[in-house]
Amino acid sequence: MTAPDDNAALVVDARGMRCPWPALRLARAMRDASQVLLLADDPQAGREVAALAGEHGWRIEADDAPERWRVRR
């Protein structure tokens, strides 16, 4: 299932990377994108992403699938 805005989201695949790398990749991607779909399988990634989003005022929408976060400005 693909939502219309999926085409606009930049996908950052950080699977296999340990924290803080997924959060660092997300921060770098958000420099140029208004929304990012982050794929990360490190158990700490959710907490790191939430902290980073809180610092920058970004919104996080958890995806139905585990290990996926849609982050928007």
PDB file of N, CA and C in Angstrom:
ATOM      1  N   MET A   1       0.850  -1.174   0.000  1.00  0.00           N
ATOM      2  CA  MET A   1       0.000   0.000   0.000  1.00  0.00           C
ATOM      3  C   MET A   1       0.895   1.236   0.000  1.00  0.00           C
ATOM      4  N   THR A   2       0.670   2.126  -0.953  1.00  0.00           N
ATOM      5  CA  THR A   2       1.494   3.323  -1.076  1.00  0.00           C
ATOM      6  C   THR A   2       0.598   4.550  -1.005  1.00  0.00           C
ATOM      7  N   ALA A   3       0.845   5.397  -0.040  1.00  0.00           N
ATOM      8  CA  ALA A   3       0.092   6.648   0.068  1.00  0.00           C
ATOM      9  C   ALA A   3       0.656   7.647  -0.934  1.00  0.00           C
ATOM     10  N   PRO A   4      -0.154   8.627  -1.377  1.00  0.00           N
ATOM     11  CA  PRO A   4       0.334   9.598  -2.358  1.00  0.00           C
ATOM     12  C   PRO A   4       1.580  10.347  -1.908  1.00  0.00           C
ATOM     13  N   ASP A   5       1.688  10.616  -0.610  1.00  0.00           N
ATOM     14  CA  ASP A   5       2.849  11.379  -0.153  1.00  0.00           C
ATOM     15  C   ASP A   5       4.098  10.525   0.000  1.00  0.00           C
ATOM     16  N   ASP A   6       4.004   9.196  -0.198  1.00  0.00           N
ATOM     17  CA  ASP A   6       5.195   8.349  -0.136  1.00  0.00           C
ATOM     18  C   ASP A   6       6.219   8.765  -1.184  1.00  0.00           C
ATOM     19  N   ASN A   7       5.744   9.274  -2.316  1.00  0.00           N
ATOM     20  CA  ASN A   7       6.665   9.688  -3.379  1.00  0.00           C
ATOM     21  C   ASN A   7       7.503  10.891  -2.959  1.00  0.00           C
ATOM     22  N   ALA A   8       6.969  11.712  -2.059  1.00  0.00           N
ATOM     23  CA  ALA A   8       7.678  12.909  -1.648  1.00  0.00           C
ATOM     24  C   ALA A   8       8.660  12.647  -0.509  1.00  0.00           C
ATOM     25  N   ALA A   9       8.507  11.530   0.179  1.00  0.00           N
ATOM     26  CA  ALA A   9       9.369  11.244   1.325  1.00  0.00           C
ATOM     27  C   ALA A   9      10.712  10.693   0.855  1.00  0.00           C
ATOM     28  N   LEU A  10      11.760  11.227   1.407  1.00  0.00           N
ATOM     29  CA  LEU A  10      13.101  10.707   1.161  1.00  0.00           C
ATOM     30  C   LEU A  10      13.280   9.483   2.049  1.00  0.00           C
ATOM     31  N   VAL A  11      13.672   8.371   1.495  1.00  0.00           N
ATOM     32  CA  VAL A  11      13.852   7.140   2.263  1.00  0.00           C
ATOM     33  C   VAL A  11      15.316   7.037   2.695  1.00  0.00           C
ATOM     34  N   VAL A  12      15.503   6.872   3.995  1.00  0.00           N
ATOM     35  CA  VAL A  12      16.838   6.679   4.559  1.00  0.00           C
ATOM     36  C   VAL A  12      16.870   5.276   5.148  1.00  0.00           C
ATOM     37  N   ASP A  13      17.660   4.414   4.559  1.00  0.00           N
ATOM     38  CA  ASP A  13      17.771   3.037   5.015  1.00  0.00           C
ATOM     39  C   ASP A  13      18.991   2.911   5.926  1.00  0.00           C
ATOM     40  N   ALA A  14      18.722   2.864   7.218  1.00  0.00           N
ATOM     41  CA  ALA A  14      19.791   2.755   8.210  1.00  0.00           C
ATOM     42  C   ALA A  14      19.759   1.388   8.883  1.00  0.00           C
ATOM     43  N   ARG A  15      19.124   0.417   8.245  1.00  0.00           N
ATOM     44  CA  ARG A  15      19.092  -0.927   8.814  1.00  0.00           C
ATOM     45  C   ARG A  15      20.506  -1.484   8.867  1.00  0.00           C
ATOM     46  N   GLY A  16      20.807  -2.147   9.967  1.00  0.00           N
ATOM     47  CA  GLY A  16      22.138  -2.711  10.163  1.00  0.00           C
ATOM     48  C   GLY A  16      23.101  -1.741  10.822  1.00  0.00           C
ATOM     49  N   MET A  17      22.695  -0.499  10.980  1.00  0.00           N
ATOM     50  CA  MET A  17      23.550   0.497  11.645  1.00  0.00           C
ATOM     51  C   MET A  17      23.144   0.607  13.109  1.00  0.00           C
ATOM     52  N   ARG A  18      24.132   0.742  13.952  1.00  0.00           N
ATOM     53  CA  ARG A  18      23.866   0.906  15.382  1.00  0.00           C
ATOM     54  C   ARG A  18      23.821   2.379  15.718  1.00  0.00           C
ATOM     55  N   CYS A  19      23.028   2.703  16.724  1.00  0.00           N
ATOM     56  CA  CYS A  19      22.914   4.099  17.153  1.00  0.00           C
ATOM     57  C   CYS A  19      24.274   4.583  17.623  1.00  0.00           C
ATOM     58  N   PRO A  20      24.578   5.821  17.306  1.00  0.00           N
ATOM     59  CA  PRO A  20      23.701   6.915  16.875  1.00  0.00           C
ATOM     60  C   PRO A  20      23.574   7.082  15.359  1.00  0.00           C
ATOM     61  N   TRP A  21      24.083   6.156  14.563  1.00  0.00           N
ATOM     62  CA  TRP A  21      24.103   6.346  13.116  1.00  0.00           C
ATOM     63  C   TRP A  21      22.736   6.560  12.473  1.00  0.00           C
ATOM     64  N   PRO A  22      21.692   5.820  12.847  1.00  0.00           N
ATOM     65  CA  PRO A  22      20.392   6.107  12.225  1.00  0.00           C
ATOM     66  C   PRO A  22      19.924   7.542  12.477  1.00  0.00           C
ATOM     67  N   ALA A  23      20.106   8.037  13.693  1.00  0.00           N
ATOM     68  CA  ALA A  23      19.707   9.413  14.008  1.00  0.00           C
ATOM     69  C   ALA A  23      20.565  10.421  13.248  1.00  0.00           C
ATOM     70  N   LEU A  24      21.837  10.134  13.119  1.00  0.00           N
ATOM     71  CA  LEU A  24      22.721  11.042  12.368  1.00  0.00           C
ATOM     72  C   LEU A  24      22.342  11.073  10.888  1.00  0.00           C
ATOM     73  N   ARG A  25      22.011   9.909  10.332  1.00  0.00           N
ATOM     74  CA  ARG A  25      21.571   9.867   8.927  1.00  0.00           C
ATOM     75  C   ARG A  25      20.258  10.621   8.743  1.00  0.00           C
ATOM     76  N   LEU A  26      19.357  10.494   9.721  1.00  0.00           N
ATOM     77  CA  LEU A  26      18.097  11.228   9.674  1.00  0.00           C
ATOM     78  C   LEU A  26      18.348  12.731   9.718  1.00  0.00           C
ATOM     79  N   ALA A  27      19.187  13.177  10.630  1.00  0.00           N
ATOM     80  CA  ALA A  27      19.478  14.611  10.750  1.00  0.00           C
ATOM     81  C   ALA A  27      20.058  15.149   9.456  1.00  0.00           C
ATOM     82  N   ARG A  28      20.940  14.416   8.845  1.00  0.00           N
ATOM     83  CA  ARG A  28      21.531  14.861   7.585  1.00  0.00           C
ATOM     84  C   ARG A  28      20.484  14.949   6.480  1.00  0.00           C
ATOM     85  N   ALA A  29      19.604  13.956   6.410  1.00  0.00           N
ATOM     86  CA  ALA A  29      18.567  13.948   5.376  1.00  0.00           C
ATOM     87  C   ALA A  29      17.575  15.089   5.575  1.00  0.00           C
ATOM     88  N   MET A  30      17.282  15.426   6.821  1.00  0.00           N
ATOM     89  CA  MET A  30      16.307  16.483   7.097  1.00  0.00           C
ATOM     90  C   MET A  30      16.850  17.872   6.782  1.00  0.00           C
ATOM     91  N   ARG A  31      18.130  17.991   6.508  1.00  0.00           N
ATOM     92  CA  ARG A  31      18.677  19.289   6.072  1.00  0.00           C
ATOM     93  C   ARG A  31      18.019  19.743   4.777  1.00  0.00           C
ATOM     94  N   ASP A  32      17.762  18.785   3.875  1.00  0.00           N
ATOM     95  CA  ASP A  32      17.253  19.113   2.545  1.00  0.00           C
ATOM     96  C   ASP A  32      15.822  18.653   2.298  1.00  0.00           C
ATOM     97  N   ALA A  33      15.295  17.769   3.121  1.00  0.00           N
ATOM     98  CA  ALA A  33      13.966  17.195   2.871  1.00  0.00           C
ATOM     99  C   ALA A  33      12.966  17.694   3.907  1.00  0.00           C
ATOM    100  N   SER A  34      11.717  17.785   3.497  1.00  0.00           N
ATOM    101  CA  SER A  34      10.677  18.176   4.448  1.00  0.00           C
ATOM    102  C   SER A  34      10.086  16.956   5.141  1.00  0.00           C
ATOM    103  N   GLN A  35      10.292  15.789   4.562  1.00  0.00           N
ATOM    104  CA  GLN A  35       9.870  14.552   5.214  1.00  0.00           C
ATOM    105  C   GLN A  35      10.798  13.407   4.816  1.00  0.00           C
ATOM    106  N   VAL A  36      11.022  12.543   5.791  1.00  0.00           N
ATOM    107  CA  VAL A  36      11.929  11.410   5.599  1.00  0.00           C
ATOM    108  C   VAL A  36      11.252  10.164   6.144  1.00  0.00           C
ATOM    109  N   LEU A  37      11.393   9.070   5.436  1.00  0.00           N
ATOM    110  CA  LEU A  37      10.977   7.766   5.929  1.00  0.00           C
ATOM    111  C   LEU A  37      12.247   7.041   6.350  1.00  0.00           C
ATOM    112  N   LEU A  38      12.405   6.858   7.653  1.00  0.00           N
ATOM    113  CA  LEU A  38      13.602   6.231   8.206  1.00  0.00           C
ATOM    114  C   LEU A  38      13.334   4.763   8.460  1.00  0.00           C
ATOM    115  N   LEU A  39      14.225   3.925   7.960  1.00  0.00           N
ATOM    116  CA  LEU A  39      14.196   2.487   8.217  1.00  0.00           C
ATOM    117  C   LEU A  39      15.401   2.178   9.097  1.00  0.00           C
ATOM    118  N   ALA A  40      15.155   1.669  10.290  1.00  0.00           N
ATOM    119  CA  ALA A  40      16.256   1.379  11.215  1.00  0.00           C
ATOM    120  C   ALA A  40      15.856   0.220  12.108  1.00  0.00           C
ATOM    121  N   ASP A  41      16.769  -0.729  12.300  1.00  0.00           N
ATOM    122  CA  ASP A  41      16.451  -1.904  13.107  1.00  0.00           C
ATOM    123  C   ASP A  41      17.182  -1.963  14.443  1.00  0.00           C
ATOM    124  N   ASP A  42      17.935  -0.948  14.780  1.00  0.00           N
ATOM    125  CA  ASP A  42      18.576  -0.908  16.094  1.00  0.00           C
ATOM    126  C   ASP A  42      17.479  -0.658  17.139  1.00  0.00           C
ATOM    127  N   PRO A  43      17.440  -1.436  18.224  1.00  0.00           N
ATOM    128  CA  PRO A  43      16.399  -1.248  19.247  1.00  0.00           C
ATOM    129  C   PRO A  43      16.397   0.151  19.874  1.00  0.00           C
ATOM    130  N   GLN A  44      17.517   0.838  19.855  1.00  0.00           N
ATOM    131  CA  GLN A  44      17.603   2.176  20.429  1.00  0.00           C
ATOM    132  C   GLN A  44      17.160   3.279  19.467  1.00  0.00           C
ATOM    133  N   ALA A  45      16.928   2.944  18.212  1.00  0.00           N
ATOM    134  CA  ALA A  45      16.641   3.951  17.194  1.00  0.00           C
ATOM    135  C   ALA A  45      15.396   4.771  17.525  1.00  0.00           C
ATOM    136  N   GLY A  46      14.338   4.145  18.001  1.00  0.00           N
ATOM    137  CA  GLY A  46      13.117   4.881  18.319  1.00  0.00           C
ATOM    138  C   GLY A  46      13.344   5.975  19.333  1.00  0.00           C
ATOM    139  N   ARG A  47      14.103   5.668  20.357  1.00  0.00           N
ATOM    140  CA  ARG A  47      14.391   6.655  21.395  1.00  0.00           C
ATOM    141  C   ARG A  47      15.280   7.779  20.850  1.00  0.00           C
ATOM    142  N   GLU A  48      16.274   7.416  20.062  1.00  0.00           N
ATOM    143  CA  GLU A  48      17.176   8.419  19.470  1.00  0.00           C
ATOM    144  C   GLU A  48      16.432   9.344  18.512  1.00  0.00           C
ATOM    145  N   VAL A  49      15.571   8.755  17.681  1.00  0.00           N
ATOM    146  CA  VAL A  49      14.800   9.539  16.713  1.00  0.00           C
ATOM    147  C   VAL A  49      13.849  10.480  17.444  1.00  0.00           C
ATOM    148  N   ALA A  50      13.190   9.996  18.493  1.00  0.00           N
ATOM    149  CA  ALA A  50      12.271  10.833  19.263  1.00  0.00           C
ATOM    150  C   ALA A  50      13.003  12.016  19.900  1.00  0.00           C
ATOM    151  N   ALA A  51      14.183  11.772  20.445  1.00  0.00           N
ATOM    152  CA  ALA A  51      14.956  12.849  21.066  1.00  0.00           C
ATOM    153  C   ALA A  51      15.384  13.882  20.024  1.00  0.00           C
ATOM    154  N   LEU A  52      15.851  13.419  18.882  1.00  0.00           N
ATOM    155  CA  LEU A  52      16.286  14.321  17.818  1.00  0.00           C
ATOM    156  C   LEU A  52      15.110  15.143  17.295  1.00  0.00           C
ATOM    157  N   ALA A  53      13.987  14.495  17.086  1.00  0.00           N
ATOM    158  CA  ALA A  53      12.799  15.204  16.597  1.00  0.00           C
ATOM    159  C   ALA A  53      12.340  16.247  17.613  1.00  0.00           C
ATOM    160  N   GLY A  54      12.393  15.905  18.876  1.00  0.00           N
ATOM    161  CA  GLY A  54      12.007  16.859  19.918  1.00  0.00           C
ATOM    162  C   GLY A  54      12.892  18.096  19.935  1.00  0.00           C
ATOM    163  N   GLU A  55      14.174  17.906  19.709  1.00  0.00           N
ATOM    164  CA  GLU A  55      15.113  19.035  19.681  1.00  0.00           C
ATOM    165  C   GLU A  55      14.850  19.979  18.521  1.00  0.00           C
ATOM    166  N   HIS A  56      14.394  19.418  17.393  1.00  0.00           N
ATOM    167  CA  HIS A  56      14.225  20.217  16.175  1.00  0.00           C
ATOM    168  C   HIS A  56      12.776  20.592  15.875  1.00  0.00           C
ATOM    169  N   GLY A  57      11.843  20.095  16.676  1.00  0.00           N
ATOM    170  CA  GLY A  57      10.440  20.393  16.453  1.00  0.00           C
ATOM    171  C   GLY A  57       9.829  19.620  15.293  1.00  0.00           C
ATOM    172  N   TRP A  58      10.394  18.482  14.968  1.00  0.00           N
ATOM    173  CA  TRP A  58       9.869  17.643  13.887  1.00  0.00           C
ATOM    174  C   TRP A  58       8.760  16.753  14.436  1.00  0.00           C
ATOM    175  N   ARG A  59       7.842  16.345  13.562  1.00  0.00           N
ATOM    176  CA  ARG A  59       6.772  15.423  13.927  1.00  0.00           C
ATOM    177  C   ARG A  59       7.168  14.014  13.494  1.00  0.00           C
ATOM    178  N   ILE A  60       6.865  13.060  14.340  1.00  0.00           N
ATOM    179  CA  ILE A  60       7.135  11.652  14.022  1.00  0.00           C
ATOM    180  C   ILE A  60       5.805  10.937  13.892  1.00  0.00           C
ATOM    181  N   GLU A  61       5.668  10.209  12.812  1.00  0.00           N
ATOM    182  CA  GLU A  61       4.498   9.361  12.614  1.00  0.00           C
ATOM    183  C   GLU A  61       5.005   7.935  12.508  1.00  0.00           C
ATOM    184  N   ALA A  62       4.643   7.125  13.476  1.00  0.00           N
ATOM    185  CA  ALA A  62       5.065   5.727  13.437  1.00  0.00           C
ATOM    186  C   ALA A  62       4.336   5.037  12.302  1.00  0.00           C
ATOM    187  N   ASP A  63       5.024   4.223  11.603  1.00  0.00           N
ATOM    188  CA  ASP A  63       4.446   3.463  10.506  1.00  0.00           C
ATOM    189  C   ASP A  63       3.826   2.196  11.081  1.00  0.00           C
ATOM    190  N   ASP A  64       2.918   1.585  10.337  1.00  0.00           N
ATOM    191  CA  ASP A  64       2.322   0.329  10.781  1.00  0.00           C
ATOM    192  C   ASP A  64       3.371  -0.764  10.900  1.00  0.00           C
ATOM    193  N   ALA A  65       4.381  -0.696  10.076  1.00  0.00           N
ATOM    194  CA  ALA A  65       5.455  -1.684  10.123  1.00  0.00           C
ATOM    195  C   ALA A  65       6.457  -1.276  11.206  1.00  0.00           C
ATOM    196  N   PRO A  66       6.984  -2.248  11.932  1.00  0.00           N
ATOM    197  CA  PRO A  66       8.005  -1.905  12.928  1.00  0.00           C
ATOM    198  C   PRO A  66       9.282  -1.434  12.235  1.00  0.00           C
ATOM    199  N   GLU A  67      10.036  -0.663  12.967  1.00  0.00           N
ATOM    200  CA  GLU A  67      11.342  -0.193  12.478  1.00  0.00           C
ATOM    201  C   GLU A  67      11.223   0.810  11.351  1.00  0.00           C
ATOM    202  N   ARG A  68      10.079   1.534  11.285  1.00  0.00           N
ATOM    203  CA  ARG A  68       9.877   2.571  10.263  1.00  0.00           C
ATOM    204  C   ARG A  68       9.284   3.795  10.929  1.00  0.00           C
ATOM    205  N   TRP A  69       9.867   4.951  10.648  1.00  0.00           N
ATOM    206  CA  TRP A  69       9.354   6.208  11.162  1.00  0.00           C
ATOM    207  C   TRP A  69       9.294   7.212  10.032  1.00  0.00           C
ATOM    208  N   ARG A  70       8.168   7.916   9.931  1.00  0.00           N
ATOM    209  CA  ARG A  70       8.041   9.021   8.987  1.00  0.00           C
ATOM    210  C   ARG A  70       8.223  10.299   9.809  1.00  0.00           C
ATOM    211  N   VAL A  71       9.222  11.073   9.432  1.00  0.00           N
ATOM    212  CA  VAL A  71       9.545  12.301  10.161  1.00  0.00           C
ATOM    213  C   VAL A  71       9.271  13.472   9.234  1.00  0.00           C
ATOM    214  N   ARG A  72       8.525  14.467   9.765  1.00  0.00           N
ATOM    215  CA  ARG A  72       8.153  15.645   8.966  1.00  0.00           C
ATOM    216  C   ARG A  72       8.497  16.917   9.717  1.00  0.00           C
ATOM    217  N   ARG A  73       8.735  17.948   8.931  1.00  0.00           N
ATOM    218  CA  ARG A  73       8.949  19.285   9.514  1.00  0.00           C
ATOM    219  C   ARG A  73       7.637  19.837   9.980  1.00  0.00           C
TER     220      ARG A  73
END
